[in-house]
C-alpha cells in the first residue's frame, strides 16, 4: 500500500499554497502542510498586509487563511481578494456555527475547516479548492462579471480623463466596489498622472509579457491608489501603443470582468481598433458634451458613427461637462441640437484644476466640492439598474 501511495503522489501536480493568519492548532498543521508531498508550500505570514507580494504574484492555487474569530473575517478575506483571485480556504479552531453559515453565503470562500483536523483531510480540501479554481478559469467562469463603463469624447480638452479618473475613484472609495481604471488613450494617456502615481508597469508590459493572460497575471501589473482603486496605465512611450492589439485588448477586458465589479475605460478621441474592441464589450458609454459648437459638431458625428456600428443607443449616457459655464449656450440647446437628453451635469469647479495639478482626484480629495458631489452622484446612478431602452437615436439636427 505504501508503494502505491508513493506512486500516486508522484504523478499528481502539487498544489501551490500560501498561509496567512493565526489560530489555535495552526502551528503544528502548518508544519505538516509544509512537508506534505502533495503541496508546494510557498510561505506563511500572520498578517495579510505582510503577504501582498506573495499573494499578488499570480502563481498561487489556494490561499489558506486562519482566524481566531467566531464569525467570517470579511475584512481579512477582502484584503486577500484585493491581491489574488485564488480560492480561499478558511481555518478556525473549535466549533462555530456562525462562521460556517456565513461561509455558505460568501462567494469569496471556497471552504471552511474547523480544527483540529487530520492533515490528509485538510490536504483533500485544498486539492478540491485548487481543482475548482482551475476548472472555473478553464470554463471562463467567475463569481464576478464586472461592468465596463467607457468614457468617450470625440474632442480633446473636454474633461474626459478627469471624468474617468474621478468616476473610477468614486466607485472604489464611496461605492466600495472593486474598481479598475484602464487607460486606453494608448499614445498620450494621462490617467496615472491625474491621480498622482508614477507606475512601474503599464498595459504595454502586460501584453508583451510571456504566457496566457489571466486574473492572477493581471494583478501583477496593476498600480494601486490609496483610495482602493486599481489602475492599468497607458504605455509610457507612444510607439509602444501599436503592440496593444485588438485581440490582446479583447482578452484583457474579459479577464478584467472576472476580477472587478466595474472597469472604467478612459479612451482616445478616435474610433480606431482599440476603441472598437472596447465598444463591443461596453455596458455603458458615457459621451461627454460641452457648451461649445465644435464639441457638439464632433459629438453629432460620433453619434452617427455609433449608429453605423449598430451600437445600442440605450447604452449611451450623456454627460454635460462644465454645465454651469456662462458661455451663451444652454443645456436645452445642446439637447435640441443633438436630439438627445442629458443624463448628468458636471459643473465647472476650481477644485478640478487644483486637483489635477496636485495629482489628487477632487472627487475624493475635495468630496464636498460641487464637482465631487456631481461625480459621486454619477457613480451612484450608474450602479442603479435601469430598464434597457429600445429606441434609436433621435433626429440629429445640424450644429
Protein backbone atom coordinates (compact mmCIF):
# COMPACT_ATOMS: atom_id res chain seq x y z
CA UNK A 1 0.00 0.00 0.00
CA UNK A 2 2.82 2.42 0.81
CA UNK A 3 4.38 1.83 -2.59
CA UNK A 4 1.05 2.55 -4.32
CA UNK A 5 0.62 5.80 -2.40
CA UNK A 6 4.13 6.96 -3.29
CA UNK A 7 3.49 6.32 -6.99
CA UNK A 8 0.13 8.14 -6.92
CA UNK A 9 1.57 11.15 -5.11
CA UNK A 10 4.47 11.42 -7.52
CA UNK A 11 2.13 11.65 -10.53
CA UNK A 12 -0.06 14.35 -9.01
CA UNK A 13 0.57 18.00 -9.60
CA UNK A 14 1.45 19.69 -6.33
CA UNK A 15 -0.92 22.41 -5.15
CA UNK A 16 0.80 25.75 -4.52
CA UNK A 17 -0.50 27.27 -1.28
CA UNK A 18 0.21 30.24 0.94
CA UNK A 19 -0.92 30.52 4.57
CA UNK A 20 -1.97 33.72 6.35
CA UNK A 21 -3.42 34.50 9.77
CA UNK A 22 -3.30 32.53 13.00
CA UNK A 23 -5.47 30.34 15.21
CA UNK A 24 -5.09 27.64 17.82
CA UNK A 25 -3.58 24.50 16.32
CA UNK A 26 -2.25 26.22 13.21
CA UNK A 27 1.44 25.89 14.03
CA UNK A 28 1.50 22.10 14.01
CA UNK A 29 -0.75 21.89 10.96
CA UNK A 30 1.34 24.46 9.12
CA UNK A 31 4.49 22.39 9.61
CA UNK A 32 2.67 19.30 8.39
CA UNK A 33 1.42 21.12 5.27
CA UNK A 34 4.90 22.48 4.57
CA UNK A 35 6.28 18.94 4.45
CA UNK A 36 3.38 17.26 2.67
CA UNK A 37 4.36 15.70 -0.69
CA UNK A 38 1.17 16.86 -2.42
CA UNK A 39 1.67 20.53 -1.56
CA UNK A 40 4.05 23.24 -2.69
CA UNK A 41 4.16 25.38 0.47
CA UNK A 42 5.13 28.86 -0.75
CA UNK A 43 5.20 30.60 2.64
CA UNK A 44 3.36 31.95 5.66
CA UNK A 45 2.57 35.34 7.16
CA UNK A 46 0.49 36.13 10.21
CA UNK A 47 -0.75 39.42 8.75
CA UNK A 48 -2.24 39.75 5.26
CA UNK A 49 -0.57 43.14 4.78
CA UNK A 50 2.83 41.46 5.03
CA UNK A 51 1.97 38.97 2.29
CA UNK A 52 0.93 41.27 -0.55
CA UNK A 53 3.93 40.46 -2.77
CA UNK A 54 3.43 36.71 -2.46
CA UNK A 55 -0.34 36.91 -2.90
CA UNK A 56 -0.15 39.16 -5.95
CA UNK A 57 2.49 37.09 -7.72
CA UNK A 58 -0.06 35.22 -9.81
CA UNK A 59 1.28 31.71 -9.05
CA UNK A 60 -0.82 30.56 -6.09
CA UNK A 61 -3.56 27.95 -6.42
CA UNK A 62 -5.04 28.20 -2.92
CA UNK A 63 -4.72 30.68 -0.05
CA UNK A 64 -5.22 29.28 3.45
CA UNK A 65 -6.35 31.88 5.98
CA UNK A 66 -6.52 31.07 9.69
CA UNK A 67 -8.68 33.15 12.01
CA UNK A 68 -9.38 33.34 15.73
CA UNK A 69 -12.75 34.96 15.04
CA UNK A 70 -16.04 33.12 15.59
CA UNK A 71 -17.50 34.81 12.52
CA UNK A 72 -16.26 35.14 8.97
CA UNK A 73 -13.37 37.68 8.89
CA UNK A 74 -14.79 39.68 5.98
CA UNK A 75 -12.17 42.43 6.17
CA UNK A 76 -9.27 39.97 6.04
CA UNK A 77 -10.89 38.00 3.21
CA UNK A 78 -11.39 41.25 1.27
CA UNK A 79 -7.73 42.18 1.82
CA UNK A 80 -6.64 38.83 0.39
CA UNK A 81 -9.06 39.15 -2.51
CA UNK A 82 -7.55 42.53 -3.43
CA UNK A 83 -4.30 40.72 -4.20
CA UNK A 84 -5.37 37.40 -5.71
CA UNK A 85 -8.30 35.56 -7.28
CA UNK A 86 -7.07 32.19 -5.93
CA UNK A 87 -9.60 30.14 -3.91
CA UNK A 88 -9.53 30.87 -0.16
CA UNK A 89 -9.88 28.14 2.47
CA UNK A 90 -10.56 29.43 6.00
CA UNK A 91 -9.27 27.62 9.10
CA UNK A 92 -10.67 28.21 12.60
CA UNK A 93 -10.35 26.43 15.94
CA UNK A 94 -13.21 24.80 17.79
CA UNK A 95 -16.86 24.98 16.78
CA UNK A 96 -18.51 27.96 15.14
CA UNK A 97 -21.91 27.58 13.51
CA UNK A 98 -21.93 31.31 12.73
CA UNK A 99 -18.69 31.04 10.77
CA UNK A 100 -19.97 28.07 8.78
CA UNK A 101 -23.30 29.74 7.98
CA UNK A 102 -21.62 32.96 6.84
CA UNK A 103 -19.20 30.99 4.67
CA UNK A 104 -22.10 29.38 2.81
CA UNK A 105 -23.19 32.84 1.62
CA UNK A 106 -19.70 34.12 0.81
CA UNK A 107 -18.64 33.97 -2.84
CA UNK A 108 -15.01 34.53 -1.90
CA UNK A 109 -14.61 31.50 0.40
CA UNK A 110 -14.11 28.04 -1.11
CA UNK A 111 -14.24 26.08 2.15
CA UNK A 112 -14.12 26.37 5.96
CA UNK A 113 -12.35 23.82 8.16
CA UNK A 114 -12.67 23.73 11.94
CA UNK A 115 -9.52 22.49 13.68
CA UNK A 116 -8.35 20.02 14.82
CA UNK A 117 -8.36 18.09 11.54
CA UNK A 118 -6.29 15.26 10.16
CA UNK A 119 -3.64 16.62 7.80
CA UNK A 120 -4.90 14.45 4.94
CA UNK A 121 -8.41 15.89 5.39
CA UNK A 122 -7.02 19.41 5.07
CA UNK A 123 -4.96 18.45 2.01
CA UNK A 124 -8.07 16.92 0.42
CA UNK A 125 -9.96 20.19 0.90
CA UNK A 126 -7.06 22.23 -0.51
CA UNK A 127 -6.81 20.00 -3.56
CA UNK A 128 -10.56 20.20 -4.11
CA UNK A 129 -10.45 24.02 -3.89
CA UNK A 130 -7.47 24.17 -6.26
CA UNK A 131 -9.20 21.96 -8.82
CA UNK A 132 -12.39 24.03 -8.62
CA UNK A 133 -10.39 27.21 -9.20
CA UNK A 134 -8.67 25.77 -12.26
CA UNK A 135 -11.95 24.49 -13.67
CA UNK A 136 -13.54 27.92 -13.22
CA UNK A 137 -10.72 29.56 -15.18
CA UNK A 138 -10.82 26.88 -17.89
CA UNK A 139 -14.55 27.32 -18.36
CA UNK A 140 -14.20 31.08 -18.44
CA UNK A 141 -16.41 31.39 -15.39
CA UNK A 142 -16.14 33.68 -12.42
CA UNK A 143 -18.08 34.86 -9.43
CA UNK A 144 -17.81 38.35 -10.89
CA UNK A 145 -18.90 39.74 -14.23
CA UNK A 146 -17.78 43.32 -13.99
CA UNK A 147 -19.45 46.14 -15.86
CA UNK A 148 -17.40 48.07 -18.40
CA UNK A 149 -18.06 51.80 -18.40
CA UNK A 150 -16.33 53.60 -21.25
CA UNK A 151 -15.77 57.36 -21.08
CA UNK A 152 -15.51 58.94 -24.52
CA UNK A 153 -15.27 62.35 -26.11
CA UNK A 154 -14.55 62.97 -29.79
CA UNK A 155 -12.68 66.17 -28.95
CA UNK A 156 -9.69 66.79 -26.71
CA UNK A 157 -9.88 69.16 -23.77
CA UNK A 158 -13.44 68.32 -22.78
CA UNK A 159 -12.52 66.77 -19.42
CA UNK A 160 -12.69 63.12 -20.46
CA UNK A 161 -9.73 61.90 -18.41
CA UNK A 162 -10.71 63.98 -15.38
CA UNK A 163 -14.18 62.44 -15.54
CA UNK A 164 -12.88 58.88 -15.97
CA UNK A 165 -10.31 59.06 -13.17
CA UNK A 166 -12.64 60.69 -10.66
CA UNK A 167 -15.52 58.37 -11.52
CA UNK A 168 -13.31 55.31 -11.03
CA UNK A 169 -12.02 56.70 -7.72
CA UNK A 170 -15.61 57.32 -6.57
CA UNK A 171 -16.58 53.71 -7.36
CA UNK A 172 -13.70 52.46 -5.22
CA UNK A 173 -13.88 54.97 -2.37
CA UNK A 174 -17.58 55.59 -1.86
CA UNK A 175 -19.39 52.70 -3.54
CA UNK A 176 -16.91 50.18 -2.12
CA UNK A 177 -16.55 48.43 -5.46
CA UNK A 178 -13.52 46.57 -6.70
CA UNK A 179 -12.73 49.00 -9.50
CA UNK A 180 -10.17 49.14 -12.29
CA UNK A 181 -9.24 52.26 -14.26
CA UNK A 182 -7.98 51.22 -17.68
CA UNK A 183 -6.18 53.94 -19.66
CA UNK A 184 -6.71 53.22 -23.36
CA UNK A 185 -5.54 56.59 -24.57
CA UNK A 186 -2.60 54.47 -25.62
CA UNK A 187 -0.28 57.11 -27.06
CA UNK A 188 -0.78 60.02 -24.67
CA UNK A 189 -2.71 58.69 -21.69
CA UNK A 190 -2.59 60.81 -18.51
CA UNK A 191 -4.73 58.80 -16.11
CA UNK A 192 -1.85 57.84 -13.81
CA UNK A 193 -0.60 61.43 -13.62
CA UNK A 194 -4.11 62.67 -12.84
CA UNK A 195 -4.16 60.57 -9.68
CA UNK A 196 -0.58 61.33 -8.67
CA UNK A 197 1.01 57.97 -9.50
CA UNK A 198 4.25 57.08 -11.26
CA UNK A 199 3.65 53.47 -12.31
CA UNK A 200 6.43 50.98 -12.88
CA UNK A 201 4.27 48.78 -15.13
CA UNK A 202 1.79 49.64 -17.86
CA UNK A 203 -0.59 47.90 -20.23
CA UNK A 204 2.35 47.57 -22.63
CA UNK A 205 4.32 45.50 -20.12
CA UNK A 206 1.29 43.30 -19.56
CA UNK A 207 0.56 42.50 -23.21
CA UNK A 208 4.20 41.75 -24.13
CA UNK A 209 4.79 39.52 -21.09
CA UNK A 210 5.02 35.81 -21.98
CA UNK A 211 2.28 33.39 -21.03
CA UNK A 212 -1.51 33.34 -21.08
CA UNK A 213 -3.30 36.34 -19.60
CA UNK A 214 -5.48 35.53 -16.59
CA UNK A 215 -6.67 37.26 -13.45
CA UNK A 216 -3.54 36.40 -11.49
CA UNK A 217 -1.27 37.79 -14.17
CA UNK A 218 -3.33 40.97 -14.45
CA UNK A 219 -2.99 41.51 -10.70
CA UNK A 220 0.77 41.62 -11.07
CA UNK A 221 0.71 44.59 -13.45
CA UNK A 222 -1.78 46.99 -11.91
CA UNK A 223 -0.85 50.00 -9.78
CA UNK A 224 -2.83 50.63 -6.60
CA UNK A 225 -4.10 54.02 -5.49
CA UNK A 226 -4.57 54.72 -1.75
CA UNK A 227 -8.33 55.11 -2.24
CA UNK A 228 -8.57 51.43 -3.22
CA UNK A 229 -8.63 51.94 -6.98
CA UNK A 230 -6.55 49.71 -9.27
CA UNK A 231 -5.04 51.36 -12.35
CA UNK A 232 -3.57 49.89 -15.53
CA UNK A 233 -1.83 52.89 -17.15
CA UNK A 234 -1.20 53.64 -20.81
CA UNK A 235 2.26 52.88 -22.29
CA UNK A 236 5.00 55.32 -21.32
CA UNK A 237 6.11 55.73 -24.95
CA UNK A 238 3.74 56.47 -27.86
CA UNK A 239 5.45 53.93 -30.13
CA UNK A 240 4.52 51.11 -27.74
CA UNK A 241 0.81 51.67 -28.35
CA UNK A 242 0.76 49.60 -31.53
CA UNK A 243 1.63 46.46 -29.58
CA UNK A 244 -1.65 46.68 -27.67
CA UNK A 245 -3.56 44.82 -30.37
CA UNK A 246 -7.32 44.38 -30.58
CA UNK A 247 -7.10 40.68 -29.78
CA UNK A 248 -4.96 41.26 -26.68
CA UNK A 249 -7.23 44.08 -25.55
CA UNK A 250 -10.31 41.89 -26.00
CA UNK A 251 -8.77 39.21 -23.78
CA UNK A 252 -7.73 41.84 -21.23
CA UNK A 253 -11.28 43.18 -20.96
CA UNK A 254 -12.73 39.71 -20.47
CA UNK A 255 -10.17 38.89 -17.76
CA UNK A 256 -10.84 42.24 -16.08
CA UNK A 257 -14.55 41.38 -15.91
CA UNK A 258 -13.66 38.29 -13.89
CA UNK A 259 -11.63 40.29 -11.36
CA UNK A 260 -13.53 43.56 -10.90
CA UNK A 261 -17.03 44.81 -10.18
CA UNK A 262 -16.57 47.77 -12.51
CA UNK A 263 -13.98 48.70 -15.14
CA UNK A 264 -13.78 52.38 -16.16
CA UNK A 265 -12.10 52.85 -19.52
CA UNK A 266 -10.51 56.15 -20.49
CA UNK A 267 -10.19 56.43 -24.27
CA UNK A 268 -8.61 58.45 -27.01
CA UNK A 269 -10.88 60.69 -29.15
CA UNK A 270 -10.75 58.32 -32.15
CA UNK A 271 -12.70 55.35 -33.48
CA UNK A 272 -9.63 53.18 -34.02
CA UNK A 273 -9.08 49.46 -33.38
CA UNK A 274 -8.77 49.54 -29.57
CA UNK A 275 -11.86 51.76 -29.26
CA UNK A 276 -13.90 49.42 -31.48
CA UNK A 277 -12.80 46.40 -29.44
CA UNK A 278 -13.82 48.24 -26.29
CA UNK A 279 -17.21 49.24 -27.68
CA UNK A 280 -18.01 45.59 -28.39
CA UNK A 281 -17.78 44.92 -24.64
CA UNK A 282 -19.06 48.21 -23.24
CA UNK A 283 -22.08 48.15 -20.94
CA UNK A 284 -22.37 51.94 -20.55
CA UNK A 285 -20.85 54.56 -22.84
CA UNK A 286 -20.50 57.98 -21.22
CA UNK A 287 -20.43 60.55 -24.01
CA UNK A 288 -19.06 63.91 -22.86
CA UNK A 289 -20.72 67.02 -24.27
CA UNK A 290 -19.76 70.66 -23.85
CA UNK A 291 -21.31 74.08 -24.23
CA UNK A 292 -19.47 74.91 -27.44
CA UNK A 293 -20.22 74.40 -31.12
CA UNK A 294 -17.02 72.45 -32.09
CA UNK A 295 -17.64 69.84 -29.41
CA UNK A 296 -21.30 69.47 -30.36
CA UNK A 297 -20.33 69.04 -34.01
CA UNK A 298 -17.95 66.22 -33.10
CA UNK A 299 -20.48 64.58 -30.78
CA UNK A 300 -23.03 64.66 -33.57
CA UNK A 301 -20.60 62.94 -35.94
CA UNK A 302 -19.76 60.39 -33.25
CA UNK A 303 -23.41 59.50 -32.76
CA UNK A 304 -23.75 58.93 -36.49
CA UNK A 305 -20.69 56.66 -36.40
CA UNK A 306 -22.06 54.72 -33.43
CA UNK A 307 -25.32 54.20 -35.27
CA UNK A 308 -23.44 52.85 -38.29
CA UNK A 309 -21.62 50.49 -35.91
CA UNK A 310 -25.01 49.37 -34.54
CA UNK A 311 -24.03 50.37 -31.03
CA UNK A 312 -27.22 50.30 -28.92
CA UNK A 313 -28.44 53.82 -28.26
CA UNK A 314 -29.82 52.68 -24.89
CA UNK A 315 -26.28 52.14 -23.62
CA UNK A 316 -25.24 55.74 -24.18
CA UNK A 317 -25.46 58.21 -21.29
CA UNK A 318 -24.72 61.86 -22.00
CA UNK A 319 -22.67 63.97 -19.61
CA UNK A 320 -22.68 67.75 -19.94
CA UNK A 321 -19.35 68.87 -18.55
CA UNK A 322 -18.81 72.39 -17.18
CA UNK A 323 -22.58 72.67 -17.26
CA UNK A 324 -22.68 75.91 -15.25
CA UNK A 325 -20.37 77.86 -17.59
CA UNK A 326 -21.79 81.18 -18.81
CA UNK A 327 -20.88 80.92 -22.49
CA UNK A 328 -24.11 81.81 -24.27
CA UNK A 329 -25.42 78.24 -24.64
CA UNK A 330 -27.85 76.24 -22.51
CA UNK A 331 -28.42 72.56 -21.84
CA UNK A 332 -31.72 72.67 -23.72
CA UNK A 333 -29.90 73.91 -26.83
CA UNK A 334 -27.44 71.02 -26.61
CA UNK A 335 -30.29 68.53 -26.27
CA UNK A 336 -32.16 70.11 -29.17
CA UNK A 337 -29.13 70.21 -31.45
CA UNK A 338 -28.25 66.54 -30.84
CA UNK A 339 -31.72 65.11 -30.39
CA UNK A 340 -30.78 63.59 -27.03
CA UNK A 341 -31.39 64.01 -23.31
CA UNK A 342 -28.54 64.96 -20.98
CA UNK A 343 -28.31 62.37 -18.21
CA UNK A 344 -25.72 64.02 -15.99
CA UNK A 345 -24.48 67.55 -15.41
CA UNK A 346 -20.99 68.13 -14.01
CA UNK A 347 -20.18 71.73 -13.05
CA UNK A 348 -17.07 73.76 -13.68
CA UNK A 349 -15.25 73.93 -10.37
CA UNK A 350 -11.96 75.41 -9.17
CA UNK A 351 -11.35 72.11 -7.33
CA UNK A 352 -10.69 70.40 -10.67
CA UNK A 353 -7.55 72.26 -11.86
CA UNK A 354 -6.27 72.29 -8.29
CA UNK A 355 -6.72 68.54 -8.05
CA UNK A 356 -5.14 67.90 -11.43
CA UNK A 357 -2.04 69.94 -10.60
CA UNK A 358 -1.69 68.23 -7.23
CA UNK A 359 -2.34 64.74 -8.54
CA UNK A 360 -5.31 64.39 -6.18
CA UNK A 361 -8.69 63.44 -7.68
CA UNK A 362 -11.09 66.11 -6.35
CA UNK A 363 -13.90 63.55 -6.10
CA UNK A 364 -12.09 62.13 -3.05
CA UNK A 365 -9.63 64.90 -2.08
CA UNK A 366 -12.36 67.55 -2.04
CA UNK A 367 -15.53 65.50 -1.83
CA UNK A 368 -17.54 68.48 -0.60
CA UNK A 369 -16.91 70.46 -3.78
CA UNK A 370 -19.66 70.82 -6.37
CA UNK A 371 -17.63 68.70 -8.77
CA UNK A 372 -17.07 66.00 -6.16
CA UNK A 373 -20.76 65.80 -5.33
CA UNK A 374 -21.70 65.57 -9.01
CA UNK A 375 -19.25 62.76 -9.73
CA UNK A 376 -20.45 60.79 -6.72
CA UNK A 377 -24.00 61.12 -7.99
CA UNK A 378 -22.94 59.88 -11.43
CA UNK A 379 -21.21 56.87 -9.85
CA UNK A 380 -24.25 56.01 -7.75
CA UNK A 381 -26.63 56.38 -10.69
CA UNK A 382 -24.55 54.16 -12.96
CA UNK A 383 -24.76 51.34 -10.42
CA UNK A 384 -28.55 51.56 -10.28
CA UNK A 385 -30.17 49.03 -12.65
CA UNK A 386 -32.19 50.60 -15.44
CA UNK A 387 -34.55 49.16 -18.00
CA UNK A 388 -32.90 48.91 -21.43
CA UNK A 389 -34.12 51.44 -23.93
CA UNK A 390 -35.16 50.16 -27.33
CA UNK A 391 -35.43 53.44 -29.15
CA UNK A 392 -32.78 54.53 -31.60
CA UNK A 393 -31.21 57.97 -31.82
CA UNK A 394 -33.44 60.97 -32.24
CA UNK A 395 -33.16 63.18 -35.27
CA UNK A 396 -29.73 64.80 -35.32
CA UNK A 397 -30.04 68.46 -36.05
CA UNK A 398 -27.28 70.35 -37.73
CA UNK A 399 -24.84 72.11 -35.43
